[in-house]
Amino acid sequence: MSATPTEEQIQDQVQDTNTTEASAETSAAEQAFEVEDLSIPEDIPTADDPSSRAASRNLDDAGFTVDEFAALLSKYDYNFKPGDIVNGTVFALESKGAMIDIGAKTAAFMPLQEVSINRVEGLSDVLAPGEIREFFIMSEENEDGQLALSIRRIEYQRAWERVRQLQKEDATIYSEVFATNRGGALVRVEGLRGFIPGSHISTRKPKEELVADFLPLKFLEVDEERNRLVLSHRRALVERKMNRLEVGEVVVGTVRGIKPYGAFIDIGGVSGLLHISEISHEHIETPHSVLNVNDQMKVMIIDLDAERGRISLSTKALEPEPGDMLTDPQKVFEKAEEMAARYKQMLMEQAEEGEDPINSMMI
């Protein structure tokens, strides 16, 4: 038989119950706080959040653009290809070449013969350890993962670019003759080997004595594909002389050579052609019948062709009477200035009419 609880006992039970519930609530709250403290806040997006992926594509907030980021990544692209030009650091000079760090997995190698377009005694003449410069990649990686480099290829490409520009500008250059052969003389231009044909060398020196001489030169042919660089000494001299000459001017010259088609006259270091048709108004069979080598004579300039490096001369225009060069050449030379003045006047008067002033003078 159970006893009926008193009022005091009932109050104690209620108090114990409230204390237990309060303690349980406190424990639950503490547990909830600990869980919340260790969990990921709701306002931080996860990898699965589409808004997070969209935000990641906007690199402006990071201080640089997508293009700048791509450029930064490209610096670490080690996919080197033959023909590429890369920066490298010299870190070792050896007897057969140089070791170069270009950022590849293995140090690259540059053979001695690839160090320069010019001849060098050793690598130290061109390179120094720690030096940073451009290199041309010549080949794929070998079995050891090593690339072959060249400086000479870069210099070679840029040398052809330079001579093409010089030719376009019709520039006169100066170069030293380092060898001669049966056909002419050899020089170097921007490190490239150039050839001067014998017919374009204008000097009284024997060809063999030109070695070590510096000559003024003009470009005749610049052809990288055929590796042909042809120059003219004569054109350079003619141009220089042409700057002081004019059509209709009388000059004194010396016969240096006679051919079936005319005579070559030296007029102050350059050669002009006195064509057989310009010797006299009268027909002649051969220049030898009128002229001799080493003869001194007066001639008149009738054409200056700077592009072809040619000076055309005439004694026909100086004849007071047709045929005087055959019968009385001295008379022609005495009257040369007078006839030249008439020629110049005729040029001015008939320039617009298109008539031949030489033939008009004889009417």
Protein backbone atom coordinates (compact mmCIF):
# COMPACT_ATOMS: atom_id res chain seq x y z
CA MET A 1 0.00 0.00 0.00
CA SER A 2 1.57 3.16 -1.14
CA ALA A 3 1.71 6.30 0.91
CA THR A 4 0.14 9.43 -0.35
CA PRO A 5 2.85 12.07 -0.97
CA THR A 6 2.59 15.13 1.08
CA GLU A 7 2.44 18.63 -0.47
CA GLU A 8 6.02 19.25 0.52
CA GLN A 9 7.19 16.10 -1.27
CA ILE A 10 5.26 17.07 -4.39
CA GLN A 11 6.97 20.49 -4.47
CA ASP A 12 10.40 18.84 -4.10
CA GLN A 13 9.67 16.54 -7.07
CA VAL A 14 8.60 19.48 -9.26
CA GLN A 15 11.77 21.37 -8.31
CA ASP A 16 13.93 18.33 -9.12
CA THR A 17 12.16 17.98 -12.47
CA ASN A 18 12.70 21.66 -13.37
CA THR A 19 16.35 21.41 -12.36
CA THR A 20 16.83 18.34 -14.57
CA GLU A 21 15.11 20.00 -17.56
CA ALA A 22 17.18 23.18 -17.10
CA SER A 23 20.34 21.13 -16.93
CA ALA A 24 19.32 19.27 -20.09
CA GLU A 25 18.59 22.53 -21.91
CA THR A 26 21.98 23.93 -20.87
CA SER A 27 23.79 20.83 -22.10
CA ALA A 28 21.90 20.93 -25.41
CA ALA A 29 22.77 24.59 -25.86
CA GLU A 30 26.44 23.92 -25.20
CA GLN A 31 26.42 21.07 -27.68
CA ALA A 32 24.70 23.27 -30.29
CA PHE A 33 27.32 26.00 -29.79
CA GLU A 34 30.19 23.56 -30.25
CA VAL A 35 28.67 22.15 -33.46
CA GLU A 36 28.03 25.60 -34.89
CA ASP A 37 31.57 26.72 -34.10
CA LEU A 38 33.09 23.80 -36.05
CA SER A 39 30.79 23.94 -39.07
CA ILE A 40 31.26 25.96 -42.34
CA PRO A 41 29.30 29.24 -42.18
CA GLU A 42 26.32 29.32 -44.47
CA ASP A 43 27.42 32.56 -46.18
CA ILE A 44 30.62 30.94 -47.58
CA PRO A 45 29.91 29.35 -51.03
CA THR A 46 30.95 25.77 -51.66
CA ALA A 47 32.55 24.27 -54.78
CA ASP A 48 29.12 23.15 -55.91
CA ASP A 49 27.71 26.66 -55.69
CA PRO A 50 27.21 28.09 -59.26
CA SER A 51 27.65 31.60 -57.94
CA SER A 52 31.09 30.61 -56.66
CA ARG A 53 32.18 29.39 -60.12
CA ALA A 54 30.94 32.57 -61.75
CA ALA A 55 32.88 34.69 -59.31
CA SER A 56 36.06 32.72 -59.92
CA ARG A 57 36.08 33.77 -63.58
CA ASN A 58 36.32 37.44 -62.66
CA LEU A 59 40.04 37.99 -62.01
CA ASP A 60 39.74 41.77 -61.86
CA ASP A 61 39.19 41.48 -58.10
CA ALA A 62 42.59 39.78 -57.89
CA GLY A 63 44.36 42.77 -59.42
CA PHE A 64 44.95 41.50 -63.00
CA THR A 65 42.95 40.51 -66.08
CA VAL A 66 42.42 37.15 -67.76
CA ASP A 67 44.89 38.11 -70.53
CA GLU A 68 47.51 39.08 -67.96
CA PHE A 69 46.96 35.81 -66.18
CA ALA A 70 47.39 33.89 -69.44
CA ALA A 71 50.58 35.81 -70.17
CA LEU A 72 51.87 34.91 -66.73
CA LEU A 73 51.14 31.25 -67.33
CA SER A 74 52.86 31.38 -70.73
CA LYS A 75 56.13 32.15 -68.97
CA TYR A 76 56.03 28.66 -67.62
CA ASP A 77 55.27 26.96 -70.94
CA TYR A 78 58.27 24.78 -71.66
CA ASN A 79 57.04 23.46 -74.99
CA PHE A 80 60.09 24.66 -76.94
CA LYS A 81 60.11 24.23 -80.74
CA PRO A 82 62.83 24.52 -83.42
CA GLY A 83 62.85 28.06 -84.78
CA ASP A 84 61.83 29.65 -81.49
CA ILE A 85 63.92 32.50 -80.08
CA VAL A 86 64.20 32.34 -76.30
CA ASN A 87 66.05 34.10 -73.51
CA GLY A 88 68.74 32.11 -71.78
CA THR A 89 71.46 32.47 -69.18
CA VAL A 90 75.01 31.32 -69.85
CA PHE A 91 76.21 29.23 -66.91
CA ALA A 92 79.16 27.24 -68.29
CA LEU A 93 81.71 27.65 -71.10
CA GLU A 94 83.26 24.43 -72.37
CA SER A 95 85.80 23.60 -75.05
CA LYS A 96 83.16 22.59 -77.61
CA GLY A 97 80.36 24.93 -76.67
CA ALA A 98 78.33 26.60 -73.95
CA MET A 99 75.71 25.33 -71.52
CA ILE A 100 72.64 27.57 -71.45
CA ASP A 101 69.74 27.67 -69.00
CA ILE A 102 66.53 28.47 -70.86
CA GLY A 103 64.15 27.14 -68.24
CA ALA A 104 63.84 23.67 -69.77
CA LYS A 105 64.10 20.48 -67.75
CA THR A 106 67.66 19.99 -69.03
CA ALA A 107 70.34 22.58 -69.77
CA ALA A 108 70.58 23.42 -73.48
CA PHE A 109 73.85 23.29 -75.44
CA MET A 110 75.24 25.75 -78.01
CA PRO A 111 78.10 24.44 -80.20
CA LEU A 112 81.16 26.64 -80.68
CA GLN A 113 80.44 27.12 -84.40
CA GLU A 114 77.02 28.58 -83.56
CA VAL A 115 78.27 31.34 -81.27
CA SER A 116 78.62 34.06 -83.93
CA ILE A 117 78.20 34.85 -87.60
CA ASN A 118 81.81 36.06 -87.51
CA ARG A 119 84.88 33.97 -86.85
CA VAL A 120 85.89 33.91 -83.19
CA GLU A 121 88.87 32.36 -81.43
CA GLY A 122 86.87 31.14 -78.45
CA LEU A 123 83.55 31.34 -76.64
CA SER A 124 84.89 33.87 -74.16
CA ASP A 125 85.26 36.38 -77.03
CA VAL A 126 81.47 36.51 -77.26
CA LEU A 127 79.95 35.09 -74.06
CA ALA A 128 80.45 35.43 -70.32
CA PRO A 129 79.05 33.25 -67.52
CA GLY A 130 75.88 34.77 -66.12
CA GLU A 131 75.14 36.70 -69.33
CA ILE A 132 71.50 36.76 -70.43
CA ARG A 133 70.70 37.00 -74.14
CA GLU A 134 68.59 35.58 -76.95
CA PHE A 135 69.14 32.14 -78.45
CA PHE A 136 67.72 30.35 -81.49
CA ILE A 137 66.46 26.78 -80.98
CA MET A 138 67.93 24.66 -83.78
CA SER A 139 66.47 21.21 -83.15
CA GLU A 140 64.13 19.03 -81.11
CA GLU A 141 65.32 17.56 -77.83
CA ASN A 142 67.79 14.71 -78.19
CA GLU A 143 67.53 11.40 -76.31
CA ASP A 144 68.83 13.14 -73.19
CA GLY A 145 66.14 15.83 -73.39
CA GLN A 146 68.70 18.48 -74.43
CA LEU A 147 68.08 21.27 -76.96
CA ALA A 148 70.67 22.69 -79.39
CA LEU A 149 70.93 26.49 -79.53
CA SER A 150 72.49 29.11 -81.80
CA ILE A 151 73.34 32.80 -81.77
CA ARG A 152 74.66 32.67 -85.32
CA ARG A 153 71.19 31.93 -86.74
CA ILE A 154 69.75 35.04 -85.11
CA GLU A 155 72.61 37.21 -86.37
CA TYR A 156 72.24 35.66 -89.84
CA GLN A 157 68.51 36.49 -90.04
CA ARG A 158 69.03 40.04 -88.82
CA ALA A 159 71.99 40.58 -91.16
CA TRP A 160 69.84 39.78 -94.21
CA GLU A 161 67.11 42.09 -92.90
CA ARG A 162 69.71 44.84 -92.57
CA VAL A 163 71.21 44.46 -96.06
CA ARG A 164 67.73 44.35 -97.61
CA GLN A 165 67.00 47.66 -95.91
CA LEU A 166 70.33 49.12 -97.09
CA GLN A 167 69.57 48.03 -100.65
CA LYS A 168 66.10 49.60 -100.43
CA GLU A 169 67.72 52.86 -99.32
CA ASP A 170 70.29 52.56 -102.14
CA ALA A 171 72.93 53.14 -99.49
CA THR A 172 76.67 53.28 -100.10
CA ILE A 173 78.60 51.13 -97.65
CA TYR A 174 82.31 50.61 -96.97
CA SER A 175 83.75 47.14 -96.60
CA GLU A 176 87.18 45.54 -96.38
CA VAL A 177 88.37 43.14 -99.06
CA PHE A 178 89.50 39.93 -97.33
CA ALA A 179 90.23 37.81 -100.42
CA THR A 180 90.26 37.83 -104.23
CA ASN A 181 89.75 35.16 -106.87
CA ARG A 182 89.58 34.92 -110.65
CA GLY A 183 86.09 36.37 -110.74
CA GLY A 184 86.50 39.32 -108.38
CA ALA A 185 86.87 40.21 -104.70
CA LEU A 186 85.28 39.03 -101.46
CA VAL A 187 84.07 41.28 -98.63
CA ARG A 188 81.89 40.97 -95.54
CA VAL A 189 78.76 43.06 -95.03
CA GLU A 190 76.97 42.79 -91.66
CA GLY A 191 78.84 39.50 -91.23
CA LEU A 192 77.61 38.10 -94.57
CA ARG A 193 80.01 37.20 -97.37
CA GLY A 194 79.63 39.47 -100.38
CA PHE A 195 81.12 39.27 -103.86
CA ILE A 196 82.33 42.10 -106.12
CA PRO A 197 82.55 40.96 -109.77
CA GLY A 198 85.75 41.98 -111.54
CA SER A 199 83.73 44.09 -113.99
CA HIS A 200 82.47 46.15 -111.05
CA ILE A 201 85.86 46.92 -109.56
CA SER A 202 87.08 50.36 -110.61
CA THR A 203 90.68 50.79 -109.59
CA ARG A 204 94.07 50.92 -111.23
CA LYS A 205 95.46 48.53 -108.64
CA PRO A 206 95.96 44.88 -109.57
CA LYS A 207 93.08 42.93 -108.10
CA GLU A 208 95.40 40.92 -105.84
CA GLU A 209 96.56 44.11 -104.12
CA LEU A 210 93.06 45.04 -102.98
CA VAL A 211 93.16 42.74 -99.92
CA ALA A 212 92.74 44.81 -96.72
CA ASP A 213 91.52 47.84 -98.73
CA PHE A 214 88.21 49.41 -97.72
CA LEU A 215 86.05 50.08 -100.77
CA PRO A 216 82.85 52.09 -101.20
CA LEU A 217 80.17 49.72 -102.47
CA LYS A 218 76.60 49.69 -103.79
CA PHE A 219 74.26 46.71 -103.79
CA LEU A 220 73.60 44.87 -107.04
CA GLU A 221 71.82 41.76 -105.74
CA VAL A 222 70.47 40.74 -102.33
CA ASP A 223 69.00 37.22 -102.42
CA GLU A 224 68.77 35.38 -99.11
CA GLU A 225 67.19 32.25 -100.60
CA ARG A 226 70.13 31.77 -102.98
CA ASN A 227 72.60 33.15 -100.46
CA ARG A 228 73.78 35.73 -103.01
CA LEU A 229 75.08 39.12 -102.00
CA VAL A 230 76.62 40.95 -104.98
CA LEU A 231 78.08 44.45 -104.79
CA SER A 232 79.59 47.06 -107.07
CA HIS A 233 82.58 49.28 -106.46
CA ARG A 234 82.09 50.95 -109.81
CA ARG A 235 78.54 52.01 -109.04
CA ALA A 236 79.60 53.61 -105.78
CA LEU A 237 82.34 55.60 -107.49
CA VAL A 238 80.08 56.58 -110.37
CA GLU A 239 77.42 57.83 -107.98
CA ARG A 240 79.97 59.89 -106.09
CA LYS A 241 81.29 61.29 -109.35
CA MET A 242 77.79 61.86 -110.69
CA ASN A 243 77.04 64.15 -107.78
CA ARG A 244 79.63 66.52 -109.26
CA LEU A 245 78.79 65.99 -112.94
CA GLU A 246 75.97 67.09 -115.20
CA VAL A 247 74.75 66.28 -118.67
CA GLY A 248 76.34 68.58 -121.26
CA GLU A 249 79.55 69.01 -119.25
CA VAL A 250 82.93 68.62 -120.99
CA VAL A 251 85.53 66.57 -119.10
CA VAL A 252 89.05 65.42 -119.85
CA GLY A 253 89.60 61.68 -119.86
CA THR A 254 92.05 58.95 -120.74
CA VAL A 255 91.32 55.94 -122.94
CA ARG A 256 91.70 52.86 -120.73
CA GLY A 257 90.26 50.18 -122.95
CA ILE A 258 88.93 49.72 -126.47
CA LYS A 259 86.24 47.23 -127.44
CA PRO A 260 84.49 46.62 -130.77
CA TYR A 261 81.46 48.53 -129.46
CA GLY A 262 83.33 51.53 -128.07
CA ALA A 263 86.00 52.84 -125.72
CA PHE A 264 86.14 53.14 -121.92
CA ILE A 265 87.32 56.54 -120.83
CA ASP A 266 88.66 57.22 -117.32
CA ILE A 267 87.29 60.57 -116.14
CA GLY A 268 88.72 61.22 -112.72
CA GLY A 269 88.65 57.73 -111.29
CA VAL A 270 85.44 56.46 -112.86
CA SER A 271 84.88 54.93 -116.25
CA GLY A 272 82.50 56.24 -118.90
CA LEU A 273 81.59 54.60 -122.19
CA LEU A 274 82.19 56.33 -125.48
CA HIS A 275 80.03 54.17 -127.69
CA ILE A 276 81.14 53.68 -131.29
CA SER A 277 77.99 55.49 -132.46
CA GLU A 278 78.99 58.55 -130.37
CA ILE A 279 82.54 58.96 -131.70
CA SER A 280 81.64 60.79 -134.93
CA HIS A 281 78.80 61.69 -137.20
CA GLU A 282 80.64 59.77 -139.89
CA HIS A 283 80.47 56.00 -139.90
CA ILE A 284 83.52 54.19 -138.54
CA GLU A 285 84.26 50.47 -138.67
CA THR A 286 86.04 50.16 -135.34
CA PRO A 287 87.08 52.49 -132.48
CA HIS A 288 90.68 51.33 -133.02
CA SER A 289 90.78 53.33 -136.25
CA VAL A 290 90.27 56.57 -134.28
CA LEU A 291 91.46 55.98 -130.72
CA ASN A 292 94.41 54.43 -128.91
CA VAL A 293 94.81 53.24 -125.34
CA ASN A 294 96.23 56.01 -123.07
CA ASP A 295 95.09 58.78 -125.46
CA GLN A 296 93.96 61.90 -123.57
CA MET A 297 90.88 63.54 -124.98
CA LYS A 298 87.90 65.73 -124.25
CA VAL A 299 84.47 64.16 -124.11
CA MET A 300 81.01 65.44 -123.31
CA ILE A 301 78.66 63.75 -120.84
CA ILE A 302 75.37 62.90 -122.53
CA ASP A 303 73.80 60.62 -119.90
CA LEU A 304 74.18 59.79 -116.20
CA ASP A 305 72.51 56.54 -115.13
CA ALA A 306 72.97 56.31 -111.36
CA GLU A 307 70.85 53.17 -111.00
CA ARG A 308 73.01 51.21 -113.44
CA GLY A 309 76.20 53.05 -112.55
CA ARG A 310 76.86 54.17 -116.12
CA ILE A 311 78.19 57.36 -117.63
CA SER A 312 77.64 57.80 -121.35
CA LEU A 313 80.05 60.03 -123.28
CA SER A 314 80.20 61.60 -126.73
CA THR A 315 82.72 63.26 -129.04
CA LYS A 316 80.21 63.35 -131.86
CA ALA A 317 78.36 66.15 -130.07
CA LEU A 318 81.61 68.16 -130.00
CA GLU A 319 82.36 68.01 -133.74
CA PRO A 320 82.16 71.47 -135.36
CA GLU A 321 81.68 69.66 -138.65
CA PRO A 322 80.58 66.07 -139.26
CA GLY A 323 83.63 63.81 -139.47
CA ASP A 324 86.07 66.13 -137.65
CA MET A 325 86.96 63.34 -135.19
CA LEU A 326 88.29 61.37 -138.14
CA THR A 327 90.11 64.17 -139.93
CA ASP A 328 91.02 66.75 -137.26
CA PRO A 329 90.41 65.56 -133.68
CA GLN A 330 92.53 68.42 -132.32
CA LYS A 331 90.04 70.91 -133.73
CA VAL A 332 87.26 69.03 -131.94
CA PHE A 333 89.06 69.34 -128.60
CA GLU A 334 89.82 73.03 -129.11
CA LYS A 335 86.17 73.80 -129.85
CA ALA A 336 84.79 71.41 -127.22
CA GLU A 337 83.58 74.00 -124.69
CA GLU A 338 81.98 76.12 -127.41
CA MET A 339 80.13 73.15 -128.87
CA ALA A 340 79.10 72.00 -125.38
CA ALA A 341 77.58 75.41 -124.68
CA ARG A 342 75.58 75.14 -127.90
CA TYR A 343 74.51 71.66 -126.87
CA LYS A 344 73.25 72.86 -123.47
CA GLN A 345 71.34 75.69 -125.10
CA MET A 346 69.80 73.25 -127.56
CA LEU A 347 68.79 70.98 -124.68
CA MET A 348 66.89 73.78 -123.00
CA GLU A 349 65.19 74.96 -126.19
CA GLN A 350 64.15 71.54 -127.44
CA ALA A 351 63.41 69.70 -124.17
CA GLU A 352 59.67 70.07 -124.74
CA GLU A 353 59.84 69.24 -128.45
CA GLY A 354 61.48 65.83 -128.00
CA GLU A 355 64.08 66.41 -130.75
CA ASP A 356 67.61 65.02 -130.74
CA PRO A 357 69.85 68.00 -129.87
CA ILE A 358 72.97 66.38 -131.32
CA ASN A 359 71.42 65.96 -134.74
CA SER A 360 69.80 69.40 -134.54
CA MET A 361 73.19 71.00 -133.98
CA MET A 362 74.36 69.71 -137.32
CA ILE A 363 71.46 71.01 -139.37
